[in-house]
Amino acid sequence: MAQQKIAVEFKDRHLTRPMLDMIVGAQLRAVPDATEIIIRCRSAAKTAYEAIDSYGIRITIVARETTPQDS
């Protein structure tokens, strides 16, 4: 059976793009064979959602509150 290693990060505040960069870097060093990173946070910036495709690993952001979209 195939194994997946998933790194999980919990933030109790708003997730920004610079924070996302730091979390992904730290998790890739801590769990180098991870296949996915799941980040649970209160809310996330639009730029953080837009950046998840730029990494070489699958990233899932789970926000408790929806972030208002710019009009």
Protein backbone atom coordinates (compact mmCIF):
# COMPACT_ATOMS: atom_id res chain seq x y z
CA MET A 1 0.00 0.00 0.00
CA ALA A 2 1.29 3.44 -0.90
CA GLN A 3 2.10 5.77 1.96
CA GLN A 4 1.58 9.48 2.07
CA LYS A 5 3.24 11.81 4.54
CA ILE A 6 1.19 14.88 5.27
CA ALA A 7 2.55 17.81 7.25
CA VAL A 8 -0.03 19.81 9.20
CA GLU A 9 0.37 23.37 10.45
CA PHE A 10 -2.07 25.25 12.69
CA LYS A 11 -2.26 29.04 12.79
CA ASP A 12 -4.68 30.93 15.03
CA ARG A 13 -4.62 34.08 12.93
CA HIS A 14 -4.74 35.38 9.37
CA LEU A 15 -2.40 33.64 6.89
CA THR A 16 -0.43 35.90 4.56
CA ARG A 17 1.80 35.06 1.60
CA PRO A 18 5.08 35.64 3.52
CA MET A 19 3.82 33.39 6.32
CA LEU A 20 2.90 30.74 3.75
CA ASP A 21 6.44 30.88 2.33
CA MET A 22 7.92 30.40 5.80
CA ILE A 23 5.58 27.53 6.68
CA VAL A 24 6.22 25.67 3.43
CA GLY A 25 9.99 26.08 3.78
CA ALA A 26 9.98 24.94 7.41
CA GLN A 27 7.73 21.95 6.73
CA LEU A 28 9.79 20.82 3.75
CA ARG A 29 12.91 20.87 5.94
CA ALA A 30 11.15 19.11 8.84
CA VAL A 31 9.36 16.49 6.71
CA PRO A 32 11.34 16.29 3.44
CA ASP A 33 9.35 13.34 2.08
CA ALA A 34 5.94 14.92 2.70
CA THR A 35 3.49 14.66 -0.19
CA GLU A 36 1.12 17.37 1.04
CA ILE A 37 1.02 20.27 3.50
CA ILE A 38 -2.28 21.18 5.13
CA ILE A 39 -2.49 24.58 6.80
CA ARG A 40 -5.42 25.30 9.09
CA CYS A 41 -5.93 28.97 9.92
CA ARG A 42 -8.53 31.56 10.87
CA SER A 43 -8.47 33.19 7.43
CA ALA A 44 -6.10 33.52 4.48
CA ALA A 45 -5.13 36.31 2.13
CA LYS A 46 -6.05 36.12 -1.53
CA THR A 47 -2.34 36.11 -2.41
CA ALA A 48 -1.81 33.03 -0.23
CA TYR A 49 -4.49 31.13 -2.17
CA GLU A 50 -2.99 32.29 -5.47
CA ALA A 51 0.50 31.12 -4.44
CA ILE A 52 -0.31 27.49 -3.62
CA ASP A 53 0.21 26.38 -7.21
CA SER A 54 3.73 27.83 -7.31
CA TYR A 55 5.18 25.23 -4.93
CA GLY A 56 6.37 21.77 -5.93
CA ILE A 57 4.15 20.13 -3.34
CA ARG A 58 0.40 19.98 -2.85
CA ILE A 59 -0.78 22.62 -0.36
CA THR A 60 -4.26 22.81 1.13
CA ILE A 61 -5.46 25.86 3.07
CA VAL A 62 -8.39 25.30 5.41
CA ALA A 63 -9.71 28.64 6.67
CA ARG A 64 -12.38 28.88 9.36
CA GLU A 65 -13.54 32.29 8.10
CA THR A 66 -13.95 33.29 4.51
CA THR A 67 -11.75 36.09 3.30
CA PRO A 68 -13.54 38.94 1.54
CA GLN A 69 -12.56 39.12 -2.11
CA ASP A 70 -11.41 42.40 -3.61
CA SER A 71 -14.01 43.94 -5.89
